[in-house]
């Protein structure tokens, strides 16, 4: 829509109410779309496959996907996923057998796992529930999604009334709970050092979702390779409250197998220090970028190694992890010397 057409639409919107008296009865009753525009949902709703719903694994995934589709039709940003992001709200689905049939209950949980409300679905016959066809869940999830949409708007309105200045002003807050997958004390050591360095960059680090604008999670994976070595990959994922993944910072290298099954010490210091600069750049790009994002990768701060393809930084081969700082000995993540 061109700028001229936008101005024309706005002008007509200003003139019509004054010219048409029959529009007056609609004042104060904006309708469903108007309510959504007045209270936009600044969050993403994740729906994991339920484990307590009397369903097989495949049927549980089918139910989660059916509910996500129904919520999307209600203009709710929902997704079926087995791996919710740190700031995602969730719907926990449980089911029980009753004389009327199988009844599912949909519990709305905030990002800290606190229950915000419950929506009960219409009962389905047991034979439909245990052997669902392609559209078996639609008669239940469609009205449930409509009720959940209303519940979400009510919860959002109540939160805004209680904290009208939430997320406005002040330093950016990052929800960062933990690092997973590292041997030794790597999870604890990396998490502690990352909190330290991002705090130095001016971010408020917290474990709860209230007030957080961004989410951060770290994952370490080790893969055996030839020559009694392991390939170590550290991935830091930065996300936003609406579920948008803003970027990843990836560090890779090969180390002697088992060399990280001990206290990480200075290794955690160096890895977190290097990665924190890349995470900061992701956040800077997210807060200063134009609405239409560019495909050109951003430039990392000086002194950081280039990152792997598909992550923040120029494309290239997977980089080595930092090779240690002057005066810091014994970094097992250093790249092996070339021969």
Protein backbone atom coordinates (compact mmCIF):
# COMPACT_ATOMS: atom_id res chain seq x y z
CA UNK A 1 0.00 0.00 0.00
CA UNK A 2 1.56 3.32 -1.09
CA UNK A 3 1.94 6.31 1.20
CA UNK A 4 -0.68 8.26 -0.72
CA UNK A 5 -3.23 5.47 -0.35
CA UNK A 6 -2.45 5.15 3.35
CA UNK A 7 -3.12 8.88 3.81
CA UNK A 8 -6.37 8.55 1.86
CA UNK A 9 -7.56 5.64 4.02
CA UNK A 10 -6.73 7.58 7.19
CA UNK A 11 -8.54 10.65 5.89
CA UNK A 12 -11.65 8.63 5.10
CA UNK A 13 -11.50 7.04 8.53
CA UNK A 14 -11.56 10.50 10.08
CA UNK A 15 -14.39 11.82 7.91
CA UNK A 16 -16.81 8.88 7.91
CA UNK A 17 -17.86 8.93 11.60
CA UNK A 18 -18.73 12.62 11.37
CA UNK A 19 -20.71 12.17 8.17
CA UNK A 20 -22.60 8.98 8.98
CA UNK A 21 -24.78 9.10 12.05
CA UNK A 22 -25.63 5.42 11.75
CA UNK A 23 -22.08 4.53 12.83
CA UNK A 24 -22.55 6.04 16.28
CA UNK A 25 -24.22 2.93 17.83
CA UNK A 26 -20.94 1.05 17.33
CA UNK A 27 -18.95 3.38 19.58
CA UNK A 28 -17.63 1.53 22.61
CA UNK A 29 -18.27 -1.86 20.98
CA UNK A 30 -15.22 -2.44 18.79
CA UNK A 31 -16.01 -6.09 18.17
CA UNK A 32 -13.59 -8.97 18.12
CA UNK A 33 -11.00 -7.49 15.77
CA UNK A 34 -11.07 -4.19 17.59
CA UNK A 35 -10.40 -5.90 20.90
CA UNK A 36 -7.35 -7.63 19.42
CA UNK A 37 -6.02 -4.36 18.06
CA UNK A 38 -6.54 -2.68 21.42
CA UNK A 39 -4.73 -5.43 23.35
CA UNK A 40 -2.07 -6.93 21.05
CA UNK A 41 -0.54 -10.16 22.29
CA UNK A 42 3.17 -9.51 22.71
CA UNK A 43 4.02 -13.15 23.28
CA UNK A 44 4.15 -16.55 21.61
CA UNK A 45 2.08 -19.51 22.73
CA UNK A 46 3.86 -22.86 22.57
CA UNK A 47 1.91 -26.13 22.62
CA UNK A 48 4.02 -29.19 23.47
CA UNK A 49 2.56 -32.62 22.66
CA UNK A 50 0.69 -33.64 25.83
CA UNK A 51 1.98 -36.54 27.91
CA UNK A 52 -1.06 -36.89 30.19
CA UNK A 53 -3.84 -36.88 27.62
CA UNK A 54 -4.50 -40.61 27.17
CA UNK A 55 -2.98 -40.45 23.68
CA UNK A 56 -0.21 -42.15 21.74
CA UNK A 57 2.81 -40.05 20.86
CA UNK A 58 1.60 -39.54 17.29
CA UNK A 59 -1.92 -38.64 18.40
CA UNK A 60 -0.51 -36.22 20.99
CA UNK A 61 1.43 -34.40 18.27
CA UNK A 62 -1.71 -34.36 16.13
CA UNK A 63 -3.69 -32.75 18.96
CA UNK A 64 -1.01 -30.12 19.58
CA UNK A 65 -0.88 -29.24 15.89
CA UNK A 66 -4.69 -29.11 15.63
CA UNK A 67 -4.90 -26.71 18.56
CA UNK A 68 -2.11 -24.53 17.17
CA UNK A 69 -3.90 -24.32 13.82
CA UNK A 70 -7.18 -23.39 15.54
CA UNK A 71 -5.46 -20.69 17.59
CA UNK A 72 -3.76 -19.28 14.51
CA UNK A 73 -7.19 -18.98 12.93
CA UNK A 74 -8.10 -16.84 15.95
CA UNK A 75 -5.04 -14.65 15.23
CA UNK A 76 -3.16 -15.97 18.23
CA UNK A 77 0.59 -16.50 17.64
CA UNK A 78 0.70 -20.19 18.54
CA UNK A 79 2.95 -23.03 17.49
CA UNK A 80 3.12 -26.76 18.20
CA UNK A 81 6.63 -27.54 19.39
CA UNK A 82 8.45 -30.03 21.58
CA UNK A 83 10.96 -27.38 22.58
CA UNK A 84 9.42 -24.12 23.85
CA UNK A 85 11.65 -21.07 24.02
CA UNK A 86 12.50 -19.41 27.35
CA UNK A 87 9.87 -16.66 27.04
CA UNK A 88 7.10 -18.75 25.51
CA UNK A 89 3.78 -19.10 27.26
CA UNK A 90 2.45 -22.65 27.02
CA UNK A 91 -0.73 -24.67 26.90
CA UNK A 92 -0.59 -27.82 29.00
CA UNK A 93 -3.17 -30.39 27.86
CA UNK A 94 -4.55 -33.08 30.16
CA UNK A 95 -7.48 -35.42 29.55
CA UNK A 96 -9.72 -37.69 31.57
CA UNK A 97 -12.45 -40.22 30.84
CA UNK A 98 -15.94 -39.23 31.95
CA UNK A 99 -19.43 -40.71 31.41
CA UNK A 100 -19.90 -38.13 28.65
CA UNK A 101 -16.68 -39.11 26.88
CA UNK A 102 -13.05 -37.99 27.01
CA UNK A 103 -12.72 -34.40 28.18
CA UNK A 104 -9.55 -32.40 27.61
CA UNK A 105 -8.55 -29.42 29.71
CA UNK A 106 -6.24 -26.74 28.33
CA UNK A 107 -4.19 -24.99 31.02
CA UNK A 108 -2.68 -21.63 30.10
CA UNK A 109 0.76 -21.24 31.70
CA UNK A 110 2.94 -18.16 31.62
CA UNK A 111 6.64 -18.42 30.86
CA UNK A 112 7.39 -19.17 34.52
CA UNK A 113 4.91 -22.08 34.55
CA UNK A 114 2.26 -20.29 36.58
CA UNK A 115 -1.32 -21.17 35.69
CA UNK A 116 -3.30 -18.25 34.25
CA UNK A 117 -6.56 -20.02 33.48
CA UNK A 118 -8.14 -23.24 32.22
CA UNK A 119 -10.37 -23.94 29.22
CA UNK A 120 -12.37 -27.20 29.08
CA UNK A 121 -12.95 -28.84 25.72
CA UNK A 122 -16.09 -30.51 24.51
CA UNK A 123 -16.15 -34.27 25.19
CA UNK A 124 -15.24 -36.67 22.42
CA UNK A 125 -16.25 -40.35 22.18
CA UNK A 126 -13.52 -42.69 23.48
CA UNK A 127 -13.20 -44.46 20.11
CA UNK A 128 -12.54 -41.12 18.39
CA UNK A 129 -10.04 -40.11 21.05
CA UNK A 130 -8.03 -43.33 20.94
CA UNK A 131 -8.09 -43.64 17.12
CA UNK A 132 -8.25 -40.07 15.83
CA UNK A 133 -8.68 -39.42 12.15
CA UNK A 134 -7.18 -36.43 10.30
CA UNK A 135 -9.81 -33.96 11.58
CA UNK A 136 -10.94 -35.81 14.70
CA UNK A 137 -9.91 -33.07 17.12
CA UNK A 138 -11.38 -30.15 15.16
CA UNK A 139 -14.84 -30.17 16.87
CA UNK A 140 -13.07 -29.83 20.21
CA UNK A 141 -10.15 -27.49 19.49
CA UNK A 142 -12.10 -24.92 17.47
CA UNK A 143 -14.31 -23.71 20.36
CA UNK A 144 -11.45 -24.25 22.81
CA UNK A 145 -9.20 -21.97 20.74
CA UNK A 146 -11.89 -19.30 20.72
CA UNK A 147 -12.22 -19.48 24.50
CA UNK A 148 -8.43 -19.50 24.92
CA UNK A 149 -8.15 -16.41 22.74
CA UNK A 150 -10.58 -14.56 25.00
CA UNK A 151 -8.71 -15.77 28.09
CA UNK A 152 -5.41 -14.53 26.69
CA UNK A 153 -6.81 -11.08 26.04
CA UNK A 154 -8.22 -10.90 29.55
CA UNK A 155 -4.91 -11.97 31.10
CA UNK A 156 -2.97 -9.50 28.96
CA UNK A 157 -5.31 -6.66 29.92
CA UNK A 158 -5.02 -7.51 33.62
CA UNK A 159 -1.22 -7.62 33.41
CA UNK A 160 -1.10 -4.23 31.74
CA UNK A 161 -3.36 -2.70 34.39
CA UNK A 162 -1.18 -4.11 37.16
CA UNK A 163 2.09 -3.04 35.57
CA UNK A 164 1.45 -0.33 32.96
CA UNK A 165 5.13 0.50 32.58
CA UNK A 166 6.35 -3.09 32.19
CA UNK A 167 8.91 -3.50 29.45
CA UNK A 168 9.08 0.29 28.97
CA UNK A 169 12.39 2.03 29.46
CA UNK A 170 15.40 0.91 31.42
CA UNK A 171 18.02 -1.65 30.37
CA UNK A 172 16.99 -4.67 28.34
CA UNK A 173 16.19 -7.70 30.46
CA UNK A 174 17.24 -11.19 29.40
CA UNK A 175 15.72 -14.38 30.73
CA UNK A 176 18.60 -16.83 31.00
CA UNK A 177 18.07 -19.98 33.04
CA UNK A 178 20.88 -22.39 32.27
CA UNK A 179 23.28 -24.06 29.88
CA UNK A 180 22.71 -27.74 29.08
CA UNK A 181 24.73 -30.60 27.64
CA UNK A 182 28.21 -29.76 28.92
CA UNK A 183 30.33 -32.36 30.74
CA UNK A 184 32.05 -31.68 34.03
CA UNK A 185 30.81 -28.48 35.65
CA UNK A 186 30.52 -26.79 32.25
CA UNK A 187 26.80 -26.02 32.48
CA UNK A 188 27.13 -24.13 35.76
CA UNK A 189 30.44 -22.50 34.89
CA UNK A 190 29.35 -21.27 31.46
CA UNK A 191 26.04 -19.95 32.79
CA UNK A 192 27.73 -18.05 35.60
CA UNK A 193 30.34 -16.51 33.35
CA UNK A 194 27.75 -15.59 30.70
CA UNK A 195 25.63 -13.76 33.28
CA UNK A 196 28.75 -11.91 34.39
CA UNK A 197 29.80 -10.75 30.92
CA UNK A 198 26.32 -9.80 29.68
CA UNK A 199 25.81 -7.82 32.89
CA UNK A 200 29.01 -5.96 32.07
CA UNK A 201 27.47 -5.14 28.68
CA UNK A 202 24.59 -3.45 30.50
CA UNK A 203 21.90 -6.14 30.38
CA UNK A 204 19.79 -7.25 33.34
CA UNK A 205 19.99 -11.03 33.67
CA UNK A 206 17.11 -12.87 35.34
CA UNK A 207 15.68 -16.37 35.64
CA UNK A 208 12.00 -15.37 35.52
CA UNK A 209 10.08 -14.12 32.51
CA UNK A 210 8.38 -11.08 34.08
CA UNK A 211 9.72 -7.94 32.43
CA UNK A 212 12.10 -9.84 30.14
CA UNK A 213 12.33 -8.69 26.54
CA UNK A 214 14.71 -11.37 25.31
CA UNK A 215 15.42 -15.02 26.02
CA UNK A 216 18.79 -16.76 25.93
CA UNK A 217 19.68 -20.43 26.11
CA UNK A 218 22.99 -22.24 25.76
CA UNK A 219 23.53 -25.81 24.58
CA UNK A 220 26.74 -27.80 24.45
CA UNK A 221 27.07 -30.92 22.34
CA UNK A 222 30.01 -33.32 21.94
CA UNK A 223 30.39 -35.61 18.95
CA UNK A 224 33.10 -38.28 18.68
CA UNK A 225 35.48 -37.84 15.75
CA UNK A 226 38.51 -39.72 14.52
CA UNK A 227 41.75 -39.78 16.44
CA UNK A 228 40.34 -40.09 19.99
CA UNK A 229 38.92 -36.59 19.79
CA UNK A 230 35.56 -34.89 20.28
CA UNK A 231 33.97 -32.07 18.33
CA UNK A 232 32.61 -29.55 20.81
CA UNK A 233 29.85 -27.20 19.70
CA UNK A 234 28.49 -24.43 21.90
CA UNK A 235 25.30 -22.78 20.59
CA UNK A 236 23.80 -19.65 22.15
CA UNK A 237 20.25 -18.96 20.87
CA UNK A 238 18.73 -15.50 21.30
CA UNK A 239 14.95 -15.18 21.01
CA UNK A 240 12.24 -12.60 21.51
CA UNK A 241 9.01 -12.78 23.50
CA UNK A 242 6.94 -13.37 20.36
CA UNK A 243 8.98 -16.48 19.52
CA UNK A 244 11.16 -14.86 16.86
CA UNK A 245 14.68 -16.31 16.92
CA UNK A 246 16.96 -13.30 16.56
CA UNK A 247 20.19 -15.18 15.97
CA UNK A 248 22.67 -17.78 17.13
CA UNK A 249 26.26 -17.53 18.24
CA UNK A 250 28.11 -20.78 17.53
CA UNK A 251 31.57 -21.87 18.68
CA UNK A 252 33.21 -25.12 17.50
CA UNK A 253 36.43 -27.03 17.84
CA UNK A 254 37.94 -30.49 18.26
CA UNK A 255 39.47 -31.43 21.61
CA UNK A 256 40.95 -34.63 23.09
CA UNK A 257 38.12 -36.95 24.11
CA UNK A 258 37.25 -36.58 27.79
CA UNK A 259 39.37 -33.47 28.32
CA UNK A 260 36.31 -31.47 29.42
CA UNK A 261 35.14 -33.99 32.05
CA UNK A 262 36.48 -31.79 34.81
CA UNK A 263 36.04 -28.26 36.19
CA UNK A 264 36.02 -25.78 33.30
CA UNK A 265 37.59 -22.84 35.15
CA UNK A 266 39.31 -20.47 32.73
CA UNK A 267 37.81 -22.35 29.78
CA UNK A 268 34.33 -21.14 30.76
CA UNK A 269 35.71 -17.62 31.23
CA UNK A 270 37.17 -17.45 27.74
CA UNK A 271 34.22 -19.12 25.97
CA UNK A 272 31.64 -16.89 27.67
CA UNK A 273 33.67 -13.73 27.17
CA UNK A 274 33.97 -14.35 23.43
CA UNK A 275 30.34 -15.42 22.98
CA UNK A 276 28.94 -12.51 25.02
CA UNK A 277 30.22 -10.06 22.42
CA UNK A 278 28.41 -11.92 19.65
CA UNK A 279 25.20 -12.11 21.73
CA UNK A 280 25.41 -8.39 22.38
CA UNK A 281 25.66 -7.77 18.64
CA UNK A 282 22.56 -9.90 18.04
CA UNK A 283 20.66 -7.82 20.58
CA UNK A 284 21.95 -4.54 19.18
CA UNK A 285 20.84 -5.58 15.70
CA UNK A 286 17.43 -6.59 17.06
CA UNK A 287 16.82 -3.26 18.77
CA UNK A 288 18.13 -1.04 15.97
CA UNK A 289 17.08 -2.99 12.84
CA UNK A 290 14.40 -1.74 10.48
CA UNK A 291 11.08 -3.66 10.50
CA UNK A 292 12.07 -5.38 7.25
CA UNK A 293 15.16 -7.37 8.12
CA UNK A 294 18.06 -7.61 5.73
CA UNK A 295 19.61 -10.84 4.57
CA UNK A 296 23.10 -9.32 4.90
CA UNK A 297 24.73 -10.78 8.03
CA UNK A 298 25.86 -8.26 10.65
CA UNK A 299 29.48 -7.61 11.53
CA UNK A 300 30.78 -8.93 14.83
CA UNK A 301 32.61 -6.67 17.28
CA UNK A 302 36.37 -6.40 16.68
CA UNK A 303 38.39 -9.25 18.10
CA UNK A 304 35.72 -11.94 17.86
CA UNK A 305 36.28 -14.96 15.62
CA UNK A 306 33.96 -15.39 12.62
CA UNK A 307 31.00 -17.64 13.23
CA UNK A 308 29.62 -20.65 11.44
CA UNK A 309 27.28 -20.40 8.41
CA UNK A 310 23.75 -19.38 9.28
CA UNK A 311 24.76 -17.59 12.47
CA UNK A 312 25.63 -14.00 13.28
CA UNK A 313 28.67 -12.94 11.34
CA UNK A 314 29.99 -13.56 7.82
CA UNK A 315 29.60 -16.99 6.27
CA UNK A 316 32.57 -19.31 6.45
CA UNK A 317 33.92 -22.50 7.91
CA UNK A 318 33.04 -23.37 11.51
CA UNK A 319 35.48 -21.41 13.68
CA UNK A 320 37.64 -22.74 16.49
CA UNK A 321 36.72 -21.90 20.03
CA UNK A 322 38.89 -19.19 21.61
CA UNK A 323 42.45 -20.35 22.11
CA UNK A 324 42.99 -18.86 25.57
CA UNK A 325 43.92 -15.43 26.88
CA UNK A 326 47.45 -14.27 27.71
CA UNK A 327 48.36 -15.52 31.14
CA UNK A 328 45.60 -18.17 31.15
CA UNK A 329 46.99 -21.66 30.79
CA UNK A 330 45.56 -25.00 29.83
CA UNK A 331 42.58 -24.13 27.61
CA UNK A 332 41.56 -27.50 26.11
CA UNK A 333 39.30 -25.74 23.60
CA UNK A 334 42.26 -24.26 21.77
CA UNK A 335 42.62 -25.30 18.16
CA UNK A 336 45.28 -28.00 17.62
CA UNK A 337 48.52 -26.69 16.14
CA UNK A 338 48.82 -27.01 12.38
CA UNK A 339 51.46 -29.37 11.01
